[in-house]
Every structure is written in structure tokens, then in C-alpha cells.
Amino acid sequence: DFMRQAGEVTYADAHKERANEGVIEFRSYSDMRRALEKLDGTDINGRKIRLVEDKPRRRRSYSGSRSR
């Protein structure tokens, strides 16, 4: 509910991988940017939150053939 202040949330999960950490996905990039600008550094239940954009990790490209 807290993140909906910034836009439409399509996925939310907290404390699954690590304690005090969560993942939020927004319907659009602009909703996510609004959350970063509006909600980063605010308090939830007396705890300051930090929001960061999860950037795609660069993957190596592997071909099926090996050159010699």
C-alpha cells in the first residue's frame, strides 16, 4: 500500500531473500522513477527506507560453436 503512492504496483515481496529487504515492481518506468524521487529516504513504521533501481545485469554471449 505504501508504494502505491507513487504508481501502480504489479509485484511486491519483502523479507524473502534477506531480512529488511524487498522487491517492488511497478507497471511503468515512470511509476518506478516517481517512487525513487518521492519515497526514497522516507519512513515506514519508524524505519527509513532506501530505494534503488535494479539494473539488468550484463550477460556474456556464448555461441554454440567453439573456434580453434
PDB file of N, CA and C in Angstrom:
ATOM      1  N   ASP A   1       0.815  -1.200   0.000  1.00  0.00           N
ATOM      2  CA  ASP A   1       0.000   0.000   0.000  1.00  0.00           C
ATOM      3  C   ASP A   1       0.858   1.263   0.000  1.00  0.00           C
ATOM      4  N   PHE A   2       1.955   1.243   0.741  1.00  0.00           N
ATOM      5  CA  PHE A   2       2.816   2.420   0.841  1.00  0.00           C
ATOM      6  C   PHE A   2       3.360   2.829  -0.525  1.00  0.00           C
ATOM      7  N   MET A   3       3.805   1.867  -1.316  1.00  0.00           N
ATOM      8  CA  MET A   3       4.415   2.160  -2.614  1.00  0.00           C
ATOM      9  C   MET A   3       3.399   2.628  -3.650  1.00  0.00           C
ATOM     10  N   ARG A   4       2.136   2.344  -3.429  1.00  0.00           N
ATOM     11  CA  ARG A   4       1.102   2.769  -4.378  1.00  0.00           C
ATOM     12  C   ARG A   4       0.961   4.284  -4.435  1.00  0.00           C
ATOM     13  N   GLN A   5       1.576   4.994  -3.498  1.00  0.00           N
ATOM     14  CA  GLN A   5       1.590   6.455  -3.554  1.00  0.00           C
ATOM     15  C   GLN A   5       2.287   6.938  -4.821  1.00  0.00           C
ATOM     16  N   ALA A   6       3.203   6.128  -5.339  1.00  0.00           N
ATOM     17  CA  ALA A   6       3.996   6.523  -6.497  1.00  0.00           C
ATOM     18  C   ALA A   6       3.411   6.028  -7.811  1.00  0.00           C
ATOM     19  N   GLY A   7       2.635   4.952  -7.771  1.00  0.00           N
ATOM     20  CA  GLY A   7       2.091   4.407  -9.005  1.00  0.00           C
ATOM     21  C   GLY A   7       1.557   3.004  -8.799  1.00  0.00           C
ATOM     22  N   GLU A   8       1.238   2.370  -9.915  1.00  0.00           N
ATOM     23  CA  GLU A   8       0.644   1.033  -9.867  1.00  0.00           C
ATOM     24  C   GLU A   8       1.710  -0.030  -9.619  1.00  0.00           C
ATOM     25  N   VAL A   9       1.560  -0.754  -8.523  1.00  0.00           N
ATOM     26  CA  VAL A   9       2.480  -1.825  -8.156  1.00  0.00           C
ATOM     27  C   VAL A   9       1.969  -3.120  -8.776  1.00  0.00           C
ATOM     28  N   THR A  10       2.850  -3.827  -9.509  1.00  0.00           N
ATOM     29  CA  THR A  10       2.453  -5.094 -10.126  1.00  0.00           C
ATOM     30  C   THR A  10       2.978  -6.300  -9.358  1.00  0.00           C
ATOM     31  N   TYR A  11       3.991  -6.084  -8.507  1.00  0.00           N
ATOM     32  CA  TYR A  11       4.570  -7.177  -7.723  1.00  0.00           C
ATOM     33  C   TYR A  11       5.239  -6.581  -6.491  1.00  0.00           C
ATOM     34  N   ALA A  12       5.067  -7.239  -5.360  1.00  0.00           N
ATOM     35  CA  ALA A  12       5.731  -6.807  -4.126  1.00  0.00           C
ATOM     36  C   ALA A  12       6.066  -8.030  -3.290  1.00  0.00           C
ATOM     37  N   ASP A  13       7.286  -8.077  -2.774  1.00  0.00           N
ATOM     38  CA  ASP A  13       7.716  -9.172  -1.919  1.00  0.00           C
ATOM     39  C   ASP A  13       8.771  -8.630  -0.966  1.00  0.00           C
ATOM     40  N   ALA A  14       8.597  -8.878   0.314  1.00  0.00           N
ATOM     41  CA  ALA A  14       9.539  -8.360   1.305  1.00  0.00           C
ATOM     42  C   ALA A  14      10.069  -9.476   2.187  1.00  0.00           C
ATOM     43  N   HIS A  15      11.312  -9.344   2.589  1.00  0.00           N
ATOM     44  CA  HIS A  15      11.972 -10.225   3.555  1.00  0.00           C
ATOM     45  C   HIS A  15      12.125 -11.669   3.076  1.00  0.00           C
ATOM     46  N   LYS A  16      12.055 -11.919   1.779  1.00  0.00           N
ATOM     47  CA  LYS A  16      12.160 -13.298   1.310  1.00  0.00           C
ATOM     48  C   LYS A  16      13.627 -13.730   1.171  1.00  0.00           C
ATOM     49  N   GLU A  17      14.403 -12.983   0.403  1.00  0.00           N
ATOM     50  CA  GLU A  17      15.815 -13.324   0.198  1.00  0.00           C
ATOM     51  C   GLU A  17      16.662 -12.923   1.404  1.00  0.00           C
ATOM     52  N   ARG A  18      16.430 -11.696   1.895  1.00  0.00           N
ATOM     53  CA  ARG A  18      17.187 -11.162   3.032  1.00  0.00           C
ATOM     54  C   ARG A  18      16.242 -10.396   3.940  1.00  0.00           C
ATOM     55  N   ALA A  19      16.535 -10.421   5.230  1.00  0.00           N
ATOM     56  CA  ALA A  19      15.728  -9.648   6.179  1.00  0.00           C
ATOM     57  C   ALA A  19      15.872  -8.162   5.872  1.00  0.00           C
ATOM     58  N   ASN A  20      14.806  -7.429   6.063  1.00  0.00           N
ATOM     59  CA  ASN A  20      14.786  -5.979   5.850  1.00  0.00           C
ATOM     60  C   ASN A  20      15.044  -5.574   4.405  1.00  0.00           C
ATOM     61  N   GLU A  21      14.726  -6.446   3.461  1.00  0.00           N
ATOM     62  CA  GLU A  21      14.882  -6.146   2.049  1.00  0.00           C
ATOM     63  C   GLU A  21      13.653  -6.613   1.304  1.00  0.00           C
ATOM     64  N   GLY A  22      13.330  -5.932   0.227  1.00  0.00           N
ATOM     65  CA  GLY A  22      12.181  -6.341  -0.563  1.00  0.00           C
ATOM     66  C   GLY A  22      12.322  -5.934  -2.011  1.00  0.00           C
ATOM     67  N   VAL A  23      11.405  -6.423  -2.820  1.00  0.00           N
ATOM     68  CA  VAL A  23      11.374  -6.121  -4.245  1.00  0.00           C
ATOM     69  C   VAL A  23       9.997  -5.576  -4.577  1.00  0.00           C
ATOM     70  N   ILE A  24       9.976  -4.476  -5.304  1.00  0.00           N
ATOM     71  CA  ILE A  24       8.730  -3.882  -5.777  1.00  0.00           C
ATOM     72  C   ILE A  24       8.861  -3.695  -7.275  1.00  0.00           C
ATOM     73  N   GLU A  25       7.857  -4.115  -8.030  1.00  0.00           N
ATOM     74  CA  GLU A  25       7.821  -3.855  -9.466  1.00  0.00           C
ATOM     75  C   GLU A  25       6.629  -2.968  -9.759  1.00  0.00           C
ATOM     76  N   PHE A  26       6.865  -1.976 -10.604  1.00  0.00           N
ATOM     77  CA  PHE A  26       5.820  -1.034 -10.983  1.00  0.00           C
ATOM     78  C   PHE A  26       5.366  -1.293 -12.409  1.00  0.00           C
ATOM     79  N   ARG A  27       4.152  -0.840 -12.717  1.00  0.00           N
ATOM     80  CA  ARG A  27       3.572  -1.010 -14.051  1.00  0.00           C
ATOM     81  C   ARG A  27       4.428  -0.333 -15.110  1.00  0.00           C
ATOM     82  N   SER A  28       4.999   0.815 -14.780  1.00  0.00           N
ATOM     83  CA  SER A  28       5.765   1.553 -15.783  1.00  0.00           C
ATOM     84  C   SER A  28       7.060   2.094 -15.194  1.00  0.00           C
ATOM     85  N   TYR A  29       7.956   2.417 -16.088  1.00  0.00           N
ATOM     86  CA  TYR A  29       9.225   3.011 -15.681  1.00  0.00           C
ATOM     87  C   TYR A  29       8.986   4.345 -14.984  1.00  0.00           C
ATOM     88  N   SER A  30       8.032   5.120 -15.475  1.00  0.00           N
ATOM     89  CA  SER A  30       7.759   6.426 -14.857  1.00  0.00           C
ATOM     90  C   SER A  30       7.225   6.267 -13.428  1.00  0.00           C
ATOM     91  N   ASP A  31       6.431   5.223 -13.164  1.00  0.00           N
ATOM     92  CA  ASP A  31       5.969   4.953 -11.797  1.00  0.00           C
ATOM     93  C   ASP A  31       7.159   4.635 -10.888  1.00  0.00           C
ATOM     94  N   MET A  32       8.091   3.846 -11.405  1.00  0.00           N
ATOM     95  CA  MET A  32       9.273   3.491 -10.632  1.00  0.00           C
ATOM     96  C   MET A  32      10.118   4.733 -10.348  1.00  0.00           C
ATOM     97  N   ARG A  33      10.311   5.584 -11.338  1.00  0.00           N
ATOM     98  CA  ARG A  33      11.084   6.821 -11.150  1.00  0.00           C
ATOM     99  C   ARG A  33      10.409   7.720 -10.112  1.00  0.00           C
ATOM    100  N   ARG A  34       9.085   7.806 -10.162  1.00  0.00           N
ATOM    101  CA  ARG A  34       8.338   8.611  -9.199  1.00  0.00           C
ATOM    102  C   ARG A  34       8.552   8.077  -7.781  1.00  0.00           C
ATOM    103  N   ALA A  35       8.559   6.762  -7.626  1.00  0.00           N
ATOM    104  CA  ALA A  35       8.801   6.165  -6.308  1.00  0.00           C
ATOM    105  C   ALA A  35      10.190   6.522  -5.801  1.00  0.00           C
ATOM    106  N   LEU A  36      11.178   6.441  -6.675  1.00  0.00           N
ATOM    107  CA  LEU A  36      12.538   6.788  -6.276  1.00  0.00           C
ATOM    108  C   LEU A  36      12.620   8.240  -5.818  1.00  0.00           C
ATOM    109  N   GLU A  37      11.990   9.122  -6.556  1.00  0.00           N
ATOM    110  CA  GLU A  37      12.047  10.552  -6.243  1.00  0.00           C
ATOM    111  C   GLU A  37      11.216  10.915  -5.009  1.00  0.00           C
ATOM    112  N   LYS A  38      10.047  10.308  -4.882  1.00  0.00           N
ATOM    113  CA  LYS A  38       9.101  10.698  -3.836  1.00  0.00           C
ATOM    114  C   LYS A  38       9.300   9.949  -2.513  1.00  0.00           C
ATOM    115  N   LEU A  39       9.677   8.677  -2.581  1.00  0.00           N
ATOM    116  CA  LEU A  39       9.645   7.838  -1.383  1.00  0.00           C
ATOM    117  C   LEU A  39      11.008   7.435  -0.827  1.00  0.00           C
ATOM    118  N   ASP A  40      12.071   7.578  -1.610  1.00  0.00           N
ATOM    119  CA  ASP A  40      13.396   7.222  -1.104  1.00  0.00           C
ATOM    120  C   ASP A  40      13.742   8.101   0.093  1.00  0.00           C
ATOM    121  N   GLY A  41      14.156   7.474   1.178  1.00  0.00           N
ATOM    122  CA  GLY A  41      14.532   8.207   2.381  1.00  0.00           C
ATOM    123  C   GLY A  41      13.385   8.482   3.339  1.00  0.00           C
ATOM    124  N   THR A  42      12.181   8.047   2.991  1.00  0.00           N
ATOM    125  CA  THR A  42      11.038   8.242   3.887  1.00  0.00           C
ATOM    126  C   THR A  42      10.983   7.111   4.919  1.00  0.00           C
ATOM    127  N   ASP A  43      10.080   7.229   5.869  1.00  0.00           N
ATOM    128  CA  ASP A  43       9.955   6.239   6.945  1.00  0.00           C
ATOM    129  C   ASP A  43       8.739   5.340   6.751  1.00  0.00           C
ATOM    130  N   ILE A  44       8.924   4.059   7.038  1.00  0.00           N
ATOM    131  CA  ILE A  44       7.828   3.093   7.137  1.00  0.00           C
ATOM    132  C   ILE A  44       7.938   2.480   8.526  1.00  0.00           C
ATOM    133  N   ASN A  45       6.906   2.636   9.317  1.00  0.00           N
ATOM    134  CA  ASN A  45       6.898   2.085  10.681  1.00  0.00           C
ATOM    135  C   ASN A  45       8.145   2.481  11.474  1.00  0.00           C
ATOM    136  N   GLY A  46       8.561   3.729  11.329  1.00  0.00           N
ATOM    137  CA  GLY A  46       9.701   4.231  12.083  1.00  0.00           C
ATOM    138  C   GLY A  46      11.063   3.856  11.537  1.00  0.00           C
ATOM    139  N   ARG A  47      11.104   3.211  10.375  1.00  0.00           N
ATOM    140  CA  ARG A  47      12.379   2.819   9.765  1.00  0.00           C
ATOM    141  C   ARG A  47      12.540   3.528   8.432  1.00  0.00           C
ATOM    142  N   LYS A  48      13.708   4.111   8.237  1.00  0.00           N
ATOM    143  CA  LYS A  48      13.997   4.810   6.982  1.00  0.00           C
ATOM    144  C   LYS A  48      14.215   3.786   5.875  1.00  0.00           C
ATOM    145  N   ILE A  49      13.604   4.041   4.723  1.00  0.00           N
ATOM    146  CA  ILE A  49      13.768   3.117   3.601  1.00  0.00           C
ATOM    147  C   ILE A  49      14.693   3.724   2.549  1.00  0.00           C
ATOM    148  N   ARG A  50      15.359   2.845   1.849  1.00  0.00           N
ATOM    149  CA  ARG A  50      16.238   3.244   0.758  1.00  0.00           C
ATOM    150  C   ARG A  50      15.767   2.498  -0.481  1.00  0.00           C
ATOM    151  N   LEU A  51      15.514   3.242  -1.537  1.00  0.00           N
ATOM    152  CA  LEU A  51      15.065   2.648  -2.788  1.00  0.00           C
ATOM    153  C   LEU A  51      16.173   2.751  -3.827  1.00  0.00           C
ATOM    154  N   VAL A  52      16.387   1.671  -4.555  1.00  0.00           N
ATOM    155  CA  VAL A  52      17.374   1.667  -5.634  1.00  0.00           C
ATOM    156  C   VAL A  52      16.776   0.963  -6.842  1.00  0.00           C
ATOM    157  N   GLU A  53      17.143   1.441  -8.012  1.00  0.00           N
ATOM    158  CA  GLU A  53      16.696   0.808  -9.255  1.00  0.00           C
ATOM    159  C   GLU A  53      17.547  -0.430  -9.493  1.00  0.00           C
ATOM    160  N   ASP A  54      16.898  -1.537  -9.771  1.00  0.00           N
ATOM    161  CA  ASP A  54      17.606  -2.770 -10.086  1.00  0.00           C
ATOM    162  C   ASP A  54      17.882  -2.765 -11.576  1.00  0.00           C
ATOM    163  N   LYS A  55      19.126  -2.585 -11.929  1.00  0.00           N
ATOM    164  CA  LYS A  55      19.506  -2.530 -13.344  1.00  0.00           C
ATOM    165  C   LYS A  55      19.793  -3.943 -13.838  1.00  0.00           C
ATOM    166  N   PRO A  56      19.452  -4.222 -15.094  1.00  0.00           N
ATOM    167  CA  PRO A  56      19.735  -5.557 -15.636  1.00  0.00           C
ATOM    168  C   PRO A  56      21.237  -5.828 -15.626  1.00  0.00           C
ATOM    169  N   ARG A  57      21.585  -7.022 -15.269  1.00  0.00           N
ATOM    170  CA  ARG A  57      22.997  -7.390 -15.266  1.00  0.00           C
ATOM    171  C   ARG A  57      23.425  -7.736 -16.682  1.00  0.00           C
ATOM    172  N   ARG A  58      24.632  -7.350 -17.019  1.00  0.00           N
ATOM    173  CA  ARG A  58      25.145  -7.638 -18.355  1.00  0.00           C
ATOM    174  C   ARG A  58      25.546  -9.105 -18.419  1.00  0.00           C
ATOM    175  N   ARG A  59      25.101  -9.770 -19.439  1.00  0.00           N
ATOM    176  CA  ARG A  59      25.411 -11.191 -19.594  1.00  0.00           C
ATOM    177  C   ARG A  59      26.381 -11.382 -20.737  1.00  0.00           C
ATOM    178  N   ARG A  60      27.203 -12.395 -20.592  1.00  0.00           N
ATOM    179  CA  ARG A  60      28.096 -12.752 -21.681  1.00  0.00           C
ATOM    180  C   ARG A  60      27.309 -13.500 -22.734  1.00  0.00           C
ATOM    181  N   SER A  61      27.704 -13.293 -23.947  1.00  0.00           N
ATOM    182  CA  SER A  61      27.073 -14.003 -25.045  1.00  0.00           C
ATOM    183  C   SER A  61      27.935 -15.211 -25.393  1.00  0.00           C
ATOM    184  N   TYR A  62      27.341 -16.364 -25.376  1.00  0.00           N
ATOM    185  CA  TYR A  62      28.052 -17.586 -25.728  1.00  0.00           C
ATOM    186  C   TYR A  62      27.473 -18.138 -27.021  1.00  0.00           C
ATOM    187  N   SER A  63      28.356 -18.528 -27.920  1.00  0.00           N
ATOM    188  CA  SER A  63      27.872 -19.138 -29.157  1.00  0.00           C
ATOM    189  C   SER A  63      27.921 -20.652 -29.004  1.00  0.00           C
ATOM    190  N   GLY A  64      27.164 -21.328 -29.835  1.00  0.00           N
ATOM    191  CA  GLY A  64      27.117 -22.781 -29.779  1.00  0.00           C
ATOM    192  C   GLY A  64      28.359 -23.435 -30.334  1.00  0.00           C
ATOM    193  N   SER A  65      29.126 -22.716 -31.157  1.00  0.00           N
ATOM    194  CA  SER A  65      30.326 -23.310 -31.740  1.00  0.00           C
ATOM    195  C   SER A  65      31.571 -22.762 -31.055  1.00  0.00           C
ATOM    196  N   ARG A  66      32.600 -23.581 -31.068  1.00  0.00           N
ATOM    197  CA  ARG A  66      33.866 -23.158 -30.474  1.00  0.00           C
ATOM    198  C   ARG A  66      34.873 -22.936 -31.586  1.00  0.00           C
ATOM    199  N   SER A  67      35.577 -21.848 -31.525  1.00  0.00           N
ATOM    200  CA  SER A  67      36.608 -21.601 -32.539  1.00  0.00           C
ATOM    201  C   SER A  67      37.950 -22.089 -32.011  1.00  0.00           C
ATOM    202  N   ARG A  68      38.805 -22.538 -32.924  1.00  0.00           N
ATOM    203  CA  ARG A  68      40.124 -23.056 -32.525  1.00  0.00           C
ATOM    204  C   ARG A  68      41.201 -22.211 -33.095  1.00  0.00           C
TER     205      ARG A  68
END
